[in-house]
Amino acid sequence: MDRPSIPIDVDRRVRSAARFRCGYCWSPQHLVMARLQIEHIIPRAKGGRDGESNLWLACPICNGHKSDKTASADPETGETVPLFNPRLQAWTEHFRWAEDGIRIIGLTPTGRATVSALHLSDDPDALEVRSNWVLAGWHPPHD
């Protein structure tokens, strides 16, 4: 099934609103070798629309792990909770960087469920790249 393309002006606004970084792991476009992807916060497979209010940026790793997920179990409580919505929720309220600057720690049920579901702290490729960014002094982000 062909997907309608995102209009260029919407693409630009989403990238700008997302500050040119992944909404989940905060990887910035200037450090990611692949183009950050416009993703559907509520996936089309789950009834999500193509409207700008349902679009955000995700790196290929986070987008691949997210797939069509909208909720996941909080590993601490076992309760199923909605995944983090980068358009509506503040990253720093749900996550923080570990002391090593490589891993992301979930602070809330939504944060913990998102870390687990998107493998934010255990994807080997992401961890290797982030460790190199830390060595170069480029990571973690300070905002």
N, C-alpha and C. Protein backbone atom coordinates (compact mmCIF):
# COMPACT_ATOMS: atom_id res chain seq x y z
N MET A 1 0.84 -1.18 0.00
CA MET A 1 0.00 0.00 0.00
C MET A 1 0.89 1.24 0.00
N ASP A 2 0.64 2.12 -0.94
CA ASP A 2 1.41 3.35 -1.03
C ASP A 2 0.95 4.33 0.04
N ARG A 3 1.92 4.95 0.68
CA ARG A 3 1.61 5.97 1.67
C ARG A 3 1.65 7.33 1.00
N PRO A 4 0.71 8.19 1.38
CA PRO A 4 0.80 9.55 0.84
C PRO A 4 2.07 10.22 1.38
N SER A 5 2.71 10.99 0.54
CA SER A 5 3.92 11.67 1.00
C SER A 5 3.53 12.84 1.89
N ILE A 6 4.43 13.15 2.80
CA ILE A 6 4.24 14.28 3.71
C ILE A 6 4.60 15.54 2.93
N PRO A 7 3.71 16.51 2.89
CA PRO A 7 4.04 17.76 2.17
C PRO A 7 5.32 18.39 2.72
N ILE A 8 6.09 19.00 1.84
CA ILE A 8 7.38 19.57 2.21
C ILE A 8 7.25 20.59 3.33
N ASP A 9 6.22 21.42 3.30
CA ASP A 9 6.08 22.43 4.35
C ASP A 9 5.78 21.78 5.70
N VAL A 10 5.01 20.70 5.71
CA VAL A 10 4.73 19.97 6.96
C VAL A 10 6.00 19.30 7.45
N ASP A 11 6.74 18.67 6.54
CA ASP A 11 8.02 18.03 6.90
C ASP A 11 8.94 19.05 7.57
N ARG A 12 9.06 20.22 6.98
CA ARG A 12 9.95 21.26 7.54
C ARG A 12 9.49 21.70 8.93
N ARG A 13 8.18 21.90 9.09
CA ARG A 13 7.65 22.33 10.39
C ARG A 13 7.86 21.27 11.46
N VAL A 14 7.65 20.01 11.12
CA VAL A 14 7.84 18.92 12.09
C VAL A 14 9.31 18.84 12.49
N ARG A 15 10.22 18.90 11.52
CA ARG A 15 11.65 18.85 11.84
C ARG A 15 12.06 20.02 12.73
N SER A 16 11.56 21.19 12.42
CA SER A 16 11.89 22.37 13.22
C SER A 16 11.31 22.25 14.63
N ALA A 17 10.05 21.85 14.73
CA ALA A 17 9.41 21.71 16.05
C ALA A 17 10.14 20.67 16.90
N ALA A 18 10.65 19.61 16.26
CA ALA A 18 11.37 18.55 16.97
C ALA A 18 12.83 18.93 17.24
N ARG A 19 13.20 20.12 16.83
CA ARG A 19 14.56 20.62 17.01
C ARG A 19 15.59 19.71 16.32
N PHE A 20 15.17 19.11 15.22
CA PHE A 20 16.05 18.30 14.38
C PHE A 20 16.71 17.17 15.15
N ARG A 21 15.91 16.54 16.05
CA ARG A 21 16.43 15.39 16.79
C ARG A 21 15.30 14.40 17.03
N CYS A 22 15.69 13.16 17.28
CA CYS A 22 14.73 12.10 17.57
C CYS A 22 13.95 12.45 18.84
N GLY A 23 12.67 12.27 18.80
CA GLY A 23 11.83 12.57 19.95
C GLY A 23 11.99 11.60 21.10
N TYR A 24 12.61 10.45 20.85
CA TYR A 24 12.72 9.41 21.87
C TYR A 24 14.12 9.33 22.49
N CYS A 25 15.15 9.28 21.66
CA CYS A 25 16.52 9.16 22.19
C CYS A 25 17.31 10.46 22.08
N TRP A 26 16.71 11.47 21.51
CA TRP A 26 17.30 12.80 21.34
C TRP A 26 18.53 12.82 20.44
N SER A 27 18.72 11.81 19.60
CA SER A 27 19.84 11.84 18.66
C SER A 27 19.64 12.97 17.67
N PRO A 28 20.62 13.87 17.56
CA PRO A 28 20.46 15.02 16.66
C PRO A 28 20.80 14.65 15.21
N GLN A 29 20.07 15.27 14.28
CA GLN A 29 20.27 14.97 12.87
C GLN A 29 21.73 15.13 12.45
N HIS A 30 22.43 16.13 12.96
CA HIS A 30 23.81 16.37 12.49
C HIS A 30 24.78 15.26 12.94
N LEU A 31 24.36 14.37 13.84
CA LEU A 31 25.22 13.26 14.25
C LEU A 31 24.74 11.90 13.72
N VAL A 32 23.56 11.85 13.17
CA VAL A 32 22.99 10.60 12.68
C VAL A 32 23.27 10.49 11.20
N MET A 33 23.84 9.35 10.78
CA MET A 33 24.20 9.20 9.37
C MET A 33 22.98 9.07 8.46
N ALA A 34 21.87 8.56 8.96
CA ALA A 34 20.65 8.46 8.16
C ALA A 34 19.76 9.66 8.46
N ARG A 35 18.93 9.97 7.51
CA ARG A 35 17.98 11.07 7.72
C ARG A 35 16.96 10.65 8.78
N LEU A 36 16.71 11.53 9.75
CA LEU A 36 15.68 11.26 10.73
C LEU A 36 14.35 11.12 10.01
N GLN A 37 13.52 10.21 10.48
CA GLN A 37 12.27 9.88 9.81
C GLN A 37 11.09 10.61 10.45
N ILE A 38 10.17 11.01 9.60
CA ILE A 38 8.89 11.52 10.11
C ILE A 38 8.10 10.28 10.51
N GLU A 39 7.74 10.21 11.79
CA GLU A 39 7.00 9.05 12.27
C GLU A 39 5.62 9.45 12.74
N HIS A 40 4.73 8.48 12.72
CA HIS A 40 3.37 8.67 13.22
C HIS A 40 3.35 8.29 14.69
N ILE A 41 3.02 9.23 15.56
CA ILE A 41 2.97 8.94 16.99
C ILE A 41 1.93 7.85 17.25
N ILE A 42 0.75 8.02 16.72
CA ILE A 42 -0.23 6.94 16.67
C ILE A 42 -0.09 6.36 15.27
N PRO A 43 0.45 5.15 15.14
CA PRO A 43 0.72 4.58 13.82
C PRO A 43 -0.55 4.49 12.95
N ARG A 44 -0.34 4.62 11.68
CA ARG A 44 -1.45 4.50 10.74
C ARG A 44 -2.15 3.16 10.92
N ALA A 45 -1.38 2.11 11.23
CA ALA A 45 -1.96 0.78 11.43
C ALA A 45 -2.93 0.74 12.61
N LYS A 46 -2.81 1.72 13.51
CA LYS A 46 -3.69 1.79 14.68
C LYS A 46 -4.68 2.96 14.55
N GLY A 47 -4.87 3.45 13.34
CA GLY A 47 -5.84 4.51 13.11
C GLY A 47 -5.28 5.91 13.15
N GLY A 48 -3.97 6.05 13.30
CA GLY A 48 -3.35 7.37 13.31
C GLY A 48 -3.46 8.05 11.97
N ARG A 49 -3.56 9.35 12.01
CA ARG A 49 -3.73 10.15 10.80
C ARG A 49 -2.38 10.73 10.35
N ASP A 50 -2.40 11.29 9.15
CA ASP A 50 -1.21 11.90 8.58
C ASP A 50 -1.09 13.38 8.95
N GLY A 51 -1.98 13.87 9.78
CA GLY A 51 -1.95 15.28 10.16
C GLY A 51 -0.72 15.62 10.99
N GLU A 52 -0.32 16.85 10.89
CA GLU A 52 0.89 17.33 11.56
C GLU A 52 0.89 17.05 13.06
N SER A 53 -0.27 17.10 13.69
CA SER A 53 -0.34 16.87 15.14
C SER A 53 -0.02 15.44 15.53
N ASN A 54 0.05 14.53 14.57
CA ASN A 54 0.39 13.13 14.83
C ASN A 54 1.77 12.76 14.30
N LEU A 55 2.55 13.74 13.90
CA LEU A 55 3.86 13.48 13.30
C LEU A 55 4.96 14.05 14.17
N TRP A 56 6.09 13.34 14.20
CA TRP A 56 7.28 13.81 14.92
C TRP A 56 8.48 13.15 14.27
N LEU A 57 9.67 13.49 14.75
CA LEU A 57 10.90 12.89 14.21
C LEU A 57 11.33 11.71 15.07
N ALA A 58 11.87 10.71 14.40
CA ALA A 58 12.46 9.57 15.09
C ALA A 58 13.66 9.10 14.29
N CYS A 59 14.68 8.66 15.00
CA CYS A 59 15.82 8.07 14.30
C CYS A 59 15.39 6.68 13.80
N PRO A 60 16.10 6.13 12.83
CA PRO A 60 15.71 4.83 12.31
C PRO A 60 15.69 3.72 13.37
N ILE A 61 16.59 3.78 14.36
CA ILE A 61 16.60 2.75 15.39
C ILE A 61 15.34 2.83 16.25
N CYS A 62 15.03 4.02 16.76
CA CYS A 62 13.82 4.16 17.59
C CYS A 62 12.56 3.86 16.79
N ASN A 63 12.48 4.36 15.57
CA ASN A 63 11.30 4.13 14.75
C ASN A 63 11.13 2.65 14.46
N GLY A 64 12.23 1.96 14.22
CA GLY A 64 12.16 0.51 13.97
C GLY A 64 11.66 -0.26 15.19
N HIS A 65 12.15 0.10 16.36
CA HIS A 65 11.69 -0.57 17.58
C HIS A 65 10.25 -0.18 17.92
N LYS A 66 9.88 1.05 17.65
CA LYS A 66 8.51 1.49 17.99
C LYS A 66 7.50 0.79 17.10
N SER A 67 7.79 0.71 15.81
CA SER A 67 6.91 0.05 14.86
C SER A 67 5.48 0.56 15.03
N ASP A 68 4.53 -0.32 15.32
CA ASP A 68 3.14 0.12 15.49
C ASP A 68 2.71 0.14 16.96
N LYS A 69 3.68 0.18 17.87
CA LYS A 69 3.35 0.19 19.30
C LYS A 69 2.81 1.55 19.72
N THR A 70 1.83 1.52 20.61
CA THR A 70 1.30 2.74 21.22
C THR A 70 1.34 2.64 22.74
N ALA A 71 1.52 1.43 23.26
CA ALA A 71 1.56 1.19 24.71
C ALA A 71 2.47 0.01 24.97
N SER A 72 2.92 -0.09 26.21
CA SER A 72 3.77 -1.21 26.61
C SER A 72 3.72 -1.34 28.13
N ALA A 73 4.23 -2.43 28.63
CA ALA A 73 4.24 -2.67 30.07
C ALA A 73 5.37 -1.90 30.74
N ASP A 74 5.05 -1.27 31.86
CA ASP A 74 6.06 -0.67 32.72
C ASP A 74 6.79 -1.83 33.39
N PRO A 75 8.10 -1.98 33.17
CA PRO A 75 8.83 -3.11 33.75
C PRO A 75 8.80 -3.15 35.28
N GLU A 76 8.55 -2.00 35.89
CA GLU A 76 8.54 -1.95 37.37
C GLU A 76 7.21 -2.43 37.95
N THR A 77 6.10 -2.06 37.30
CA THR A 77 4.78 -2.39 37.85
C THR A 77 4.04 -3.45 37.06
N GLY A 78 4.44 -3.67 35.82
CA GLY A 78 3.73 -4.60 34.95
C GLY A 78 2.49 -4.00 34.31
N GLU A 79 2.13 -2.79 34.69
CA GLU A 79 0.95 -2.12 34.15
C GLU A 79 1.22 -1.67 32.71
N THR A 80 0.25 -1.87 31.83
CA THR A 80 0.36 -1.38 30.46
C THR A 80 0.01 0.10 30.44
N VAL A 81 0.92 0.89 29.89
CA VAL A 81 0.76 2.34 29.84
C VAL A 81 1.06 2.84 28.43
N PRO A 82 0.56 4.03 28.09
CA PRO A 82 0.88 4.60 26.77
C PRO A 82 2.37 4.91 26.67
N LEU A 83 2.91 4.77 25.47
CA LEU A 83 4.28 5.18 25.21
C LEU A 83 4.37 6.70 25.26
N PHE A 84 5.58 7.18 25.45
CA PHE A 84 5.88 8.61 25.48
C PHE A 84 5.43 9.26 24.17
N ASN A 85 4.80 10.42 24.29
CA ASN A 85 4.37 11.20 23.13
C ASN A 85 5.25 12.45 23.07
N PRO A 86 6.25 12.46 22.18
CA PRO A 86 7.18 13.59 22.14
C PRO A 86 6.54 14.91 21.72
N ARG A 87 5.39 14.87 21.13
CA ARG A 87 4.73 16.10 20.74
C ARG A 87 4.02 16.75 21.92
N LEU A 88 3.52 15.93 22.85
CA LEU A 88 2.70 16.44 23.94
C LEU A 88 3.36 16.39 25.33
N GLN A 89 4.39 15.59 25.47
CA GLN A 89 5.01 15.41 26.79
C GLN A 89 6.45 15.91 26.79
N ALA A 90 6.91 16.33 27.95
CA ALA A 90 8.29 16.83 28.10
C ALA A 90 9.23 15.66 28.38
N TRP A 91 10.27 15.54 27.57
CA TRP A 91 11.23 14.44 27.69
C TRP A 91 11.81 14.38 29.11
N THR A 92 12.20 15.52 29.65
CA THR A 92 12.87 15.55 30.95
C THR A 92 11.96 15.18 32.12
N GLU A 93 10.66 15.14 31.90
CA GLU A 93 9.76 14.68 32.95
C GLU A 93 9.66 13.16 32.99
N HIS A 94 10.04 12.51 31.90
CA HIS A 94 9.90 11.05 31.79
C HIS A 94 11.22 10.31 31.72
N PHE A 95 12.31 11.03 31.41
CA PHE A 95 13.61 10.38 31.21
C PHE A 95 14.74 11.23 31.77
N ARG A 96 15.85 10.57 31.98
CA ARG A 96 17.11 11.27 32.27
C ARG A 96 18.23 10.40 31.73
N TRP A 97 19.38 11.03 31.57
CA TRP A 97 20.55 10.29 31.12
C TRP A 97 21.24 9.64 32.32
N ALA A 98 21.71 8.41 32.14
CA ALA A 98 22.51 7.75 33.16
C ALA A 98 23.83 8.50 33.29
N GLU A 99 24.54 8.26 34.36
CA GLU A 99 25.83 8.92 34.59
C GLU A 99 26.79 8.73 33.43
N ASP A 100 26.74 7.57 32.76
CA ASP A 100 27.66 7.31 31.65
C ASP A 100 27.30 8.12 30.40
N GLY A 101 26.11 8.75 30.39
CA GLY A 101 25.69 9.55 29.24
C GLY A 101 25.29 8.71 28.04
N ILE A 102 25.22 7.40 28.23
CA ILE A 102 24.94 6.50 27.11
C ILE A 102 23.54 5.91 27.20
N ARG A 103 23.12 5.62 28.41
CA ARG A 103 21.82 4.98 28.62
C ARG A 103 20.78 6.00 29.07
N ILE A 104 19.53 5.72 28.72
CA ILE A 104 18.40 6.54 29.11
C ILE A 104 17.65 5.80 30.22
N ILE A 105 17.31 6.53 31.26
CA ILE A 105 16.60 5.95 32.40
C ILE A 105 15.18 6.51 32.41
N GLY A 106 14.20 5.63 32.48
CA GLY A 106 12.81 6.05 32.58
C GLY A 106 12.49 6.45 34.01
N LEU A 107 11.84 7.59 34.18
CA LEU A 107 11.51 8.11 35.50
C LEU A 107 10.06 7.87 35.90
N THR A 108 9.22 7.60 34.94
CA THR A 108 7.78 7.42 35.17
C THR A 108 7.36 6.09 34.55
N PRO A 109 6.16 5.63 34.82
CA PRO A 109 5.70 4.41 34.13
C PRO A 109 5.80 4.54 32.61
N THR A 110 5.38 5.68 32.07
CA THR A 110 5.48 5.91 30.62
C THR A 110 6.94 5.91 30.18
N GLY A 111 7.81 6.57 30.93
CA GLY A 111 9.23 6.59 30.59
C GLY A 111 9.84 5.20 30.61
N ARG A 112 9.57 4.45 31.67
CA ARG A 112 10.14 3.09 31.77
C ARG A 112 9.61 2.18 30.67
N ALA A 113 8.30 2.27 30.37
CA ALA A 113 7.72 1.45 29.31
C ALA A 113 8.32 1.81 27.95
N THR A 114 8.55 3.10 27.72
CA THR A 114 9.13 3.54 26.45
C THR A 114 10.58 3.09 26.33
N VAL A 115 11.35 3.22 27.41
CA VAL A 115 12.74 2.76 27.39
C VAL A 115 12.79 1.27 27.03
N SER A 116 11.92 0.50 27.64
CA SER A 116 11.89 -0.93 27.38
C SER A 116 11.42 -1.25 25.96
N ALA A 117 10.29 -0.69 25.56
CA ALA A 117 9.71 -1.01 24.25
C ALA A 117 10.58 -0.58 23.08
N LEU A 118 11.24 0.58 23.22
CA LEU A 118 12.07 1.10 22.13
C LEU A 118 13.54 0.75 22.29
N HIS A 119 13.86 -0.03 23.32
CA HIS A 119 15.24 -0.48 23.57
C HIS A 119 16.20 0.71 23.64
N LEU A 120 15.75 1.78 24.30
CA LEU A 120 16.54 3.00 24.36
C LEU A 120 17.86 2.84 25.10
N SER A 121 17.94 1.85 25.97
CA SER A 121 19.17 1.66 26.75
C SER A 121 19.82 0.31 26.55
N ASP A 122 19.34 -0.44 25.56
CA ASP A 122 20.00 -1.74 25.34
C ASP A 122 20.19 -2.11 23.87
N ASP A 123 19.89 -1.19 22.96
CA ASP A 123 20.18 -1.47 21.56
C ASP A 123 21.69 -1.34 21.37
N PRO A 124 22.37 -2.41 20.97
CA PRO A 124 23.84 -2.36 20.90
C PRO A 124 24.38 -1.31 19.94
N ASP A 125 23.72 -1.09 18.82
CA ASP A 125 24.19 -0.08 17.87
C ASP A 125 24.07 1.32 18.46
N ALA A 126 22.93 1.60 19.10
CA ALA A 126 22.74 2.91 19.72
C ALA A 126 23.75 3.14 20.84
N LEU A 127 23.99 2.13 21.65
CA LEU A 127 24.94 2.28 22.76
C LEU A 127 26.36 2.53 22.24
N GLU A 128 26.74 1.84 21.19
CA GLU A 128 28.08 2.04 20.63
C GLU A 128 28.24 3.45 20.07
N VAL A 129 27.25 3.89 19.32
CA VAL A 129 27.31 5.23 18.74
C VAL A 129 27.34 6.28 19.84
N ARG A 130 26.45 6.16 20.82
CA ARG A 130 26.42 7.14 21.91
C ARG A 130 27.73 7.15 22.69
N SER A 131 28.34 5.99 22.87
CA SER A 131 29.61 5.97 23.62
C SER A 131 30.68 6.74 22.86
N ASN A 132 30.67 6.67 21.55
CA ASN A 132 31.62 7.45 20.75
C ASN A 132 31.30 8.94 20.82
N TRP A 133 30.01 9.27 20.83
CA TRP A 133 29.62 10.67 20.97
C TRP A 133 30.07 11.21 22.32
N VAL A 134 29.94 10.40 23.37
CA VAL A 134 30.39 10.83 24.71
C VAL A 134 31.89 11.09 24.69
N LEU A 135 32.65 10.16 24.09
CA LEU A 135 34.10 10.33 24.01
C LEU A 135 34.48 11.62 23.27
N ALA A 136 33.71 11.96 22.26
CA ALA A 136 33.98 13.17 21.47
C ALA A 136 33.48 14.44 22.18
N GLY A 137 32.74 14.28 23.28
CA GLY A 137 32.20 15.42 24.00
C GLY A 137 30.92 15.97 23.40
N TRP A 138 30.25 15.19 22.57
CA TRP A 138 29.04 15.64 21.89
C TRP A 138 27.76 15.18 22.59
N HIS A 139 27.89 14.39 23.61
CA HIS A 139 26.72 13.75 24.20
C HIS A 139 26.95 13.55 25.68
N PRO A 140 25.95 13.55 26.51
CA PRO A 140 24.53 13.68 26.21
C PRO A 140 24.14 15.15 26.00
N PRO A 141 22.97 15.35 25.40
CA PRO A 141 22.49 16.73 25.21
C PRO A 141 22.32 17.41 26.57
N HIS A 142 22.48 18.70 26.61
CA HIS A 142 22.40 19.43 27.87
C HIS A 142 21.13 20.26 27.99
N ASP A 143 20.13 19.92 27.23
CA ASP A 143 18.85 20.65 27.34
C ASP A 143 17.78 19.67 27.58
